[in-house]
Amino acid sequence: MTSGPEVLCVGESMALFVPAEPGPPDEVRQWTRTIGGAESNVACHLPALGVPSGWASAVGDDPFGRAMLREIAAAGVDVSACSVDPVRPTGLYVKESGAGGSPVRYYRAGSAASGMGPELLDRLDLDGVRVLHLSGITPALSDSCLALVRALLDLPRGDRLVSFDVNLRPALWAGRDPRLLAELAAQADIVLTGDDEAQHVWGTGDPVSLRALLPGPRTLVVKHGERGATLVEGEPLFAPALRVDVVEPVGAGDAFAAGFLAATLRGASPLERLRRGHLQAAATLLTHDDVGVPLPRTVVDTLLHADPDEWSSARLTGEGVLI
């Protein structure tokens, strides 16, 4: 008998177009269509990490929406809580890939997912769900999406945890107060944020100062980009990131969240939880896609048990070579 999701991710995903040939974006003629979205990215990583996952959202009744449901399900994700909107379209975005950064252009106004609201709860089966994963993108999409996130945060939890990745998108918050993210994050059990995002929302990216402003969640993870990440549950613990020959960085934060959550559900040590996040992020940094191919088990096992010097001297390349 197939078990239900242990982690349920709720939020919008879109058709994603990335260049299929080199050159300036305005000269590229061949594009590859894939999918992308913070919450579905996390959901797609988890089955490969041994954690059953589900994704709840809405897509349009169009080729992009049908392809999205099919491809996310093919990753082993339960999509039974997704709905197909007969009127609104599936959103899409275009990513101009590059190692130094990837400008993203969104075409999501009026999308099917932006029409989601608290009625989504009627479709959710939370039996067996150990983590409900949300992000700060969803409440910025529309008033009804904000109401949905509030309703999810207000649900009785029991042993279930709520994970909240700040995922600040300034363009989405134009005309809205991003400090609302602080209010929503304060209601979660696990909060993940970049130090740059935290500076924007709370006025500080320092983990100790941020913990003083965010005392409620049991777990706080502050990501410092290519430097590493700090876990604050008691005394702060910093774990440096791996050195990676970056292809492009978009999606690495979602990969980190998946690795961290999977290790948390296994009851792993604090250091292993951070390292699992870094390893999953590294796999995505090595690809143009938002969800990379998992690193070989031998590489993962070696690095998880590496001493600090071995970890710091390791380097991952496009050939998957550990140096």
Protein backbone atom coordinates (compact mmCIF):
# COMPACT_ATOMS: atom_id res chain seq x y z
CA MET A 1 0.00 0.00 0.00
CA THR A 2 1.43 3.39 -1.01
CA SER A 3 1.92 5.77 1.90
CA GLY A 4 0.71 9.35 1.70
CA PRO A 5 2.96 12.40 1.75
CA GLU A 6 5.10 13.09 4.79
CA VAL A 7 5.76 16.60 3.48
CA LEU A 8 3.00 18.58 1.77
CA CYS A 9 4.11 21.66 -0.18
CA VAL A 10 1.56 24.35 -1.08
CA GLY A 11 2.19 27.07 -3.66
CA GLU A 12 2.34 28.14 -7.30
CA SER A 13 4.47 26.54 -9.97
CA MET A 14 4.83 27.75 -13.52
CA ALA A 15 6.08 26.70 -16.90
CA LEU A 16 9.76 27.64 -17.03
CA PHE A 17 11.70 28.46 -20.18
CA VAL A 18 15.51 28.41 -20.17
CA PRO A 19 17.89 29.02 -23.11
CA ALA A 20 18.75 25.90 -25.08
CA GLU A 21 21.69 27.61 -26.79
CA PRO A 22 24.33 30.16 -25.81
CA GLY A 23 24.09 33.84 -26.59
CA PRO A 24 22.34 37.01 -25.44
CA PRO A 25 18.70 36.37 -24.49
CA ASP A 26 17.35 38.59 -27.28
CA GLU A 27 19.23 36.46 -29.83
CA VAL A 28 18.38 33.02 -28.43
CA ARG A 29 15.95 31.19 -30.73
CA GLN A 30 15.80 27.80 -29.02
CA TRP A 31 14.34 27.52 -25.51
CA THR A 32 13.73 24.48 -23.33
CA ARG A 33 10.43 24.26 -21.45
CA THR A 34 10.58 22.82 -17.97
CA ILE A 35 8.80 23.68 -14.71
CA GLY A 36 9.69 25.77 -11.70
CA GLY A 37 8.24 26.95 -8.44
CA ALA A 38 9.65 27.10 -4.93
CA GLU A 39 7.21 24.69 -3.31
CA SER A 40 7.06 22.14 -6.12
CA ASN A 41 10.87 22.26 -6.35
CA VAL A 42 11.05 21.18 -2.71
CA ALA A 43 8.42 18.50 -3.31
CA CYS A 44 10.32 17.13 -6.34
CA HIS A 45 13.59 16.83 -4.41
CA LEU A 46 12.13 14.88 -1.50
CA PRO A 47 11.24 11.47 -3.06
CA ALA A 48 14.84 11.04 -4.20
CA LEU A 49 15.81 11.66 -0.56
CA GLY A 50 13.47 8.94 0.65
CA VAL A 51 10.67 11.24 1.82
CA PRO A 52 7.17 10.91 0.27
CA SER A 53 5.90 14.33 -0.74
CA GLY A 54 2.81 16.03 -2.08
CA TRP A 55 2.13 19.31 -3.86
CA ALA A 56 -1.11 21.27 -3.64
CA SER A 57 -1.81 24.07 -6.10
CA ALA A 58 -3.93 25.12 -9.08
CA VAL A 59 -3.01 25.06 -12.76
CA GLY A 60 -4.78 26.20 -15.88
CA ASP A 61 -6.69 23.91 -18.23
CA ASP A 62 -3.95 24.27 -20.83
CA PRO A 63 -0.93 22.33 -22.15
CA PHE A 64 1.42 23.93 -19.60
CA GLY A 65 -0.80 22.95 -16.68
CA ARG A 66 -1.25 19.38 -17.91
CA ALA A 67 2.49 19.01 -18.50
CA MET A 68 3.22 20.37 -15.04
CA LEU A 69 0.95 17.89 -13.29
CA ARG A 70 2.39 15.02 -15.33
CA GLU A 71 6.04 15.95 -14.78
CA ILE A 72 5.78 16.72 -11.07
CA ALA A 73 3.93 13.43 -10.57
CA ALA A 74 6.69 11.67 -12.53
CA ALA A 75 9.15 12.85 -9.86
CA GLY A 76 7.18 10.77 -7.36
CA VAL A 77 5.12 13.65 -5.97
CA ASP A 78 1.45 13.21 -5.00
CA VAL A 79 -0.50 15.85 -6.97
CA SER A 80 -3.99 14.68 -6.01
CA ALA A 81 -4.70 17.92 -4.12
CA CYS A 82 -4.12 20.05 -7.24
CA SER A 83 -7.04 21.54 -9.14
CA VAL A 84 -7.44 22.57 -12.78
CA ASP A 85 -8.91 26.05 -13.27
CA PRO A 86 -11.09 26.18 -16.43
CA VAL A 87 -10.70 29.96 -16.79
CA ARG A 88 -7.34 31.18 -15.47
CA PRO A 89 -4.10 30.17 -17.26
CA THR A 90 -1.01 28.50 -15.93
CA GLY A 91 1.67 31.09 -15.17
CA LEU A 92 5.03 31.02 -16.89
CA TYR A 93 8.45 32.60 -16.51
CA VAL A 94 11.66 32.92 -18.47
CA LYS A 95 15.10 32.49 -16.91
CA GLU A 96 18.19 34.01 -18.53
CA SER A 97 20.72 31.57 -17.09
CA GLY A 98 24.23 32.53 -16.03
CA ALA A 99 26.69 31.60 -13.28
CA GLY A 100 26.78 35.16 -11.95
CA GLY A 101 23.02 35.40 -11.67
CA SER A 102 19.88 34.55 -13.59
CA PRO A 103 17.46 37.38 -14.38
CA VAL A 104 13.92 36.05 -14.29
CA ARG A 105 10.90 37.48 -16.11
CA TYR A 106 7.49 36.45 -14.78
CA TYR A 107 4.20 36.22 -16.69
CA ARG A 108 1.93 35.17 -13.86
CA ALA A 109 -0.69 37.93 -13.39
CA GLY A 110 -4.15 36.37 -13.18
CA SER A 111 -2.77 32.85 -13.05
CA ALA A 112 -4.74 29.86 -11.84
CA ALA A 113 -2.66 29.65 -8.66
CA SER A 114 -3.30 33.30 -7.83
CA GLY A 115 -6.99 32.37 -7.54
CA MET A 116 -6.36 29.91 -4.71
CA GLY A 117 -7.99 30.61 -1.37
CA PRO A 118 -8.94 28.98 1.93
CA GLU A 119 -11.31 26.61 0.12
CA LEU A 120 -8.18 24.64 -0.83
CA LEU A 121 -8.22 23.21 2.68
CA ASP A 122 -11.28 21.14 1.75
CA ARG A 123 -9.09 19.17 -0.69
CA LEU A 124 -6.22 18.50 1.69
CA ASP A 125 -5.74 15.16 3.40
CA LEU A 126 -3.29 15.87 6.19
CA ASP A 127 -3.27 12.36 7.67
CA GLY A 128 0.34 11.29 7.92
CA VAL A 129 1.69 14.71 6.92
CA ARG A 130 4.62 15.52 9.21
CA VAL A 131 5.63 18.83 7.62
CA LEU A 132 3.48 21.42 5.84
CA HIS A 133 5.85 23.50 3.71
CA LEU A 134 4.94 27.06 2.71
CA SER A 135 6.80 30.05 1.34
CA GLY A 136 6.52 33.82 1.34
CA ILE A 137 5.73 33.80 -2.37
CA THR A 138 2.15 32.55 -1.99
CA PRO A 139 0.80 35.34 0.28
CA ALA A 140 2.10 37.93 -2.19
CA LEU A 141 0.13 36.54 -5.14
CA SER A 142 -3.32 37.81 -4.14
CA ASP A 143 -5.55 38.59 -1.18
CA SER A 144 -7.13 35.14 -1.47
CA CYS A 145 -3.70 33.49 -1.41
CA LEU A 146 -2.80 35.47 1.71
CA ALA A 147 -6.04 34.23 3.30
CA LEU A 148 -5.07 30.68 2.32
CA VAL A 149 -1.66 30.94 4.01
CA ARG A 150 -3.26 32.38 7.15
CA ALA A 151 -5.76 29.51 7.19
CA LEU A 152 -2.99 26.93 6.81
CA LEU A 153 -1.02 28.50 9.65
CA ASP A 154 -4.12 28.46 11.85
CA LEU A 155 -4.77 24.73 11.40
CA PRO A 156 -4.40 22.53 14.52
CA ARG A 157 -0.97 20.90 14.31
CA GLY A 158 -0.51 18.18 16.86
CA ASP A 159 2.86 16.66 15.93
CA ARG A 160 2.84 18.23 12.47
CA LEU A 161 5.37 20.99 11.79
CA VAL A 162 4.97 24.03 9.55
CA SER A 163 8.03 25.02 7.54
CA PHE A 164 8.14 28.55 6.12
CA ASP A 165 10.77 29.66 3.59
CA VAL A 166 10.72 33.46 3.38
CA ASN A 167 11.58 33.46 -0.35
CA LEU A 168 11.22 37.22 -0.64
CA ARG A 169 10.32 38.38 -4.16
CA PRO A 170 10.40 42.22 -4.01
CA ALA A 171 8.52 42.63 -7.30
CA LEU A 172 5.60 40.63 -5.92
CA TRP A 173 5.49 42.76 -2.79
CA ALA A 174 5.25 46.07 -4.66
CA GLY A 175 2.44 47.96 -2.98
CA ARG A 176 2.36 45.51 -0.05
CA ASP A 177 4.22 45.64 3.24
CA PRO A 178 6.86 42.88 3.26
CA ARG A 179 6.87 43.07 7.06
CA LEU A 180 3.78 40.89 6.78
CA LEU A 181 6.28 38.11 6.13
CA ALA A 182 7.60 38.58 9.66
CA GLU A 183 4.10 38.05 11.04
CA LEU A 184 3.57 34.88 9.00
CA ALA A 185 7.02 33.44 9.72
CA ALA A 186 6.50 33.93 13.45
CA GLN A 187 3.67 31.38 13.31
CA ALA A 188 5.82 28.63 11.77
CA ASP A 189 7.87 25.94 13.49
CA ILE A 190 10.78 26.01 11.01
CA VAL A 191 11.84 29.24 9.31
CA LEU A 192 14.38 29.40 6.48
CA THR A 193 15.61 32.73 5.19
CA GLY A 194 18.53 34.28 3.39
CA ASP A 195 20.40 36.88 5.40
CA ASP A 196 19.66 39.42 2.65
CA GLU A 197 15.95 38.64 2.87
CA ALA A 198 16.04 38.90 6.64
CA GLN A 199 17.73 42.29 6.41
CA HIS A 200 14.85 43.49 4.24
CA VAL A 201 12.07 42.02 6.41
CA TRP A 202 13.45 42.27 9.96
CA GLY A 203 16.23 44.83 9.56
CA THR A 204 19.00 42.35 10.34
CA GLY A 205 20.59 39.30 8.73
CA ASP A 206 22.59 38.38 11.83
CA PRO A 207 21.34 35.00 13.14
CA VAL A 208 21.56 35.92 16.84
CA SER A 209 19.83 39.26 16.37
CA LEU A 210 17.21 37.67 14.13
CA ARG A 211 16.49 34.97 16.71
CA ALA A 212 15.79 37.71 19.27
CA LEU A 213 13.21 39.17 16.89
CA LEU A 214 11.80 35.74 15.97
CA PRO A 215 11.66 33.75 19.23
CA GLY A 216 8.61 31.59 18.47
CA PRO A 217 9.74 29.08 15.81
CA ARG A 218 11.70 26.17 17.23
CA THR A 219 14.10 26.17 14.28
CA LEU A 220 15.68 29.10 12.44
CA VAL A 221 18.01 28.65 9.47
CA VAL A 222 19.78 31.70 8.07
CA LYS A 223 21.43 31.14 4.70
CA HIS A 224 24.51 33.20 3.81
CA GLY A 225 24.72 32.46 0.09
CA GLU A 226 27.94 30.81 -1.01
CA ARG A 227 29.43 31.19 2.50
CA GLY A 228 27.13 28.68 4.21
CA ALA A 229 24.20 28.59 6.63
CA THR A 230 23.56 28.99 10.35
CA LEU A 231 21.13 26.85 12.34
CA VAL A 232 19.72 28.40 15.51
CA GLU A 233 17.88 26.05 17.85
CA GLY A 234 20.10 26.69 20.86
CA GLU A 235 23.65 27.85 20.32
CA PRO A 236 24.07 28.97 16.69
CA LEU A 237 25.80 26.42 14.46
CA PHE A 238 27.43 27.57 11.22
CA ALA A 239 28.21 25.09 8.44
CA PRO A 240 30.14 26.36 5.40
CA ALA A 241 28.78 25.65 1.96
CA LEU A 242 30.62 23.42 -0.48
CA ARG A 243 32.77 24.90 -3.21
CA VAL A 244 30.88 24.35 -6.46
CA ASP A 245 31.54 25.21 -10.10
CA VAL A 246 28.23 27.03 -10.40
CA VAL A 247 26.26 26.76 -13.62
CA GLU A 248 23.52 29.03 -12.30
CA PRO A 249 22.11 29.63 -8.81
CA VAL A 250 18.32 29.70 -9.12
CA GLY A 251 16.65 26.84 -7.23
CA ALA A 252 19.53 26.21 -4.83
CA GLY A 253 17.58 27.58 -1.87
CA ASP A 254 14.69 25.19 -2.51
CA ALA A 255 17.14 22.31 -2.80
CA PHE A 256 18.72 23.30 0.51
CA ALA A 257 15.28 23.36 2.15
CA ALA A 258 14.51 19.86 0.87
CA GLY A 259 17.80 18.42 2.08
CA PHE A 260 17.44 20.09 5.45
CA LEU A 261 13.83 18.96 5.93
CA ALA A 262 14.59 15.38 4.89
CA ALA A 263 17.44 15.18 7.40
CA THR A 264 15.28 16.78 10.09
CA LEU A 265 12.59 14.13 9.60
CA ARG A 266 15.26 11.44 9.96
CA GLY A 267 16.31 12.87 13.31
CA ALA A 268 19.79 13.72 12.02
CA SER A 269 22.28 15.79 13.99
CA PRO A 270 22.30 19.57 13.53
CA LEU A 271 25.50 19.48 11.47
CA GLU A 272 24.21 16.71 9.22
CA ARG A 273 20.98 18.60 8.63
CA LEU A 274 22.93 21.62 7.39
CA ARG A 275 25.29 19.51 5.32
CA ARG A 276 22.39 17.64 3.72
CA GLY A 277 21.00 21.01 2.72
CA HIS A 278 24.31 22.11 1.23
CA LEU A 279 24.73 18.83 -0.68
CA GLN A 280 21.29 19.07 -2.22
CA ALA A 281 21.89 22.72 -3.12
CA ALA A 282 25.19 21.78 -4.76
CA ALA A 283 23.43 19.34 -7.08
CA THR A 284 21.15 22.11 -8.30
CA LEU A 285 24.00 24.63 -8.66
CA LEU A 286 25.56 22.23 -11.17
CA THR A 287 22.59 22.45 -13.57
CA HIS A 288 20.42 24.97 -15.43
CA ASP A 289 17.32 23.27 -14.04
CA ASP A 290 15.60 24.18 -10.78
CA VAL A 291 15.84 20.54 -9.61
CA GLY A 292 19.21 18.92 -10.22
CA VAL A 293 20.16 15.26 -10.40
CA PRO A 294 21.10 14.05 -6.90
CA LEU A 295 24.80 13.68 -6.22
CA PRO A 296 26.17 10.12 -6.25
CA ARG A 297 25.62 8.34 -2.95
CA THR A 298 29.36 7.74 -2.56
CA VAL A 299 30.02 11.49 -2.78
CA VAL A 300 27.23 12.26 -0.30
CA ASP A 301 28.38 9.64 2.20
CA THR A 302 31.99 10.77 1.98
CA LEU A 303 31.17 14.43 2.52
CA LEU A 304 28.62 13.90 5.29
CA HIS A 305 31.32 12.25 7.38
CA ALA A 306 34.19 14.51 6.31
CA ASP A 307 36.10 16.43 8.95
CA PRO A 308 35.96 20.25 8.70
CA ASP A 309 39.17 20.50 6.67
CA GLU A 310 38.08 17.81 4.21
CA TRP A 311 34.68 19.45 3.79
CA SER A 312 36.23 22.88 3.20
CA SER A 313 38.76 21.58 0.67
CA ALA A 314 36.19 19.62 -1.37
CA ARG A 315 35.09 21.00 -4.74
CA LEU A 316 32.27 19.79 -6.96
CA THR A 317 32.53 20.23 -10.71
CA GLY A 318 30.24 19.68 -13.67
CA GLU A 319 31.74 16.23 -14.09
CA GLY A 320 30.76 15.37 -10.55
CA VAL A 321 34.43 15.15 -9.58
CA LEU A 322 35.30 15.47 -5.93
CA ILE A 323 38.69 17.14 -5.55
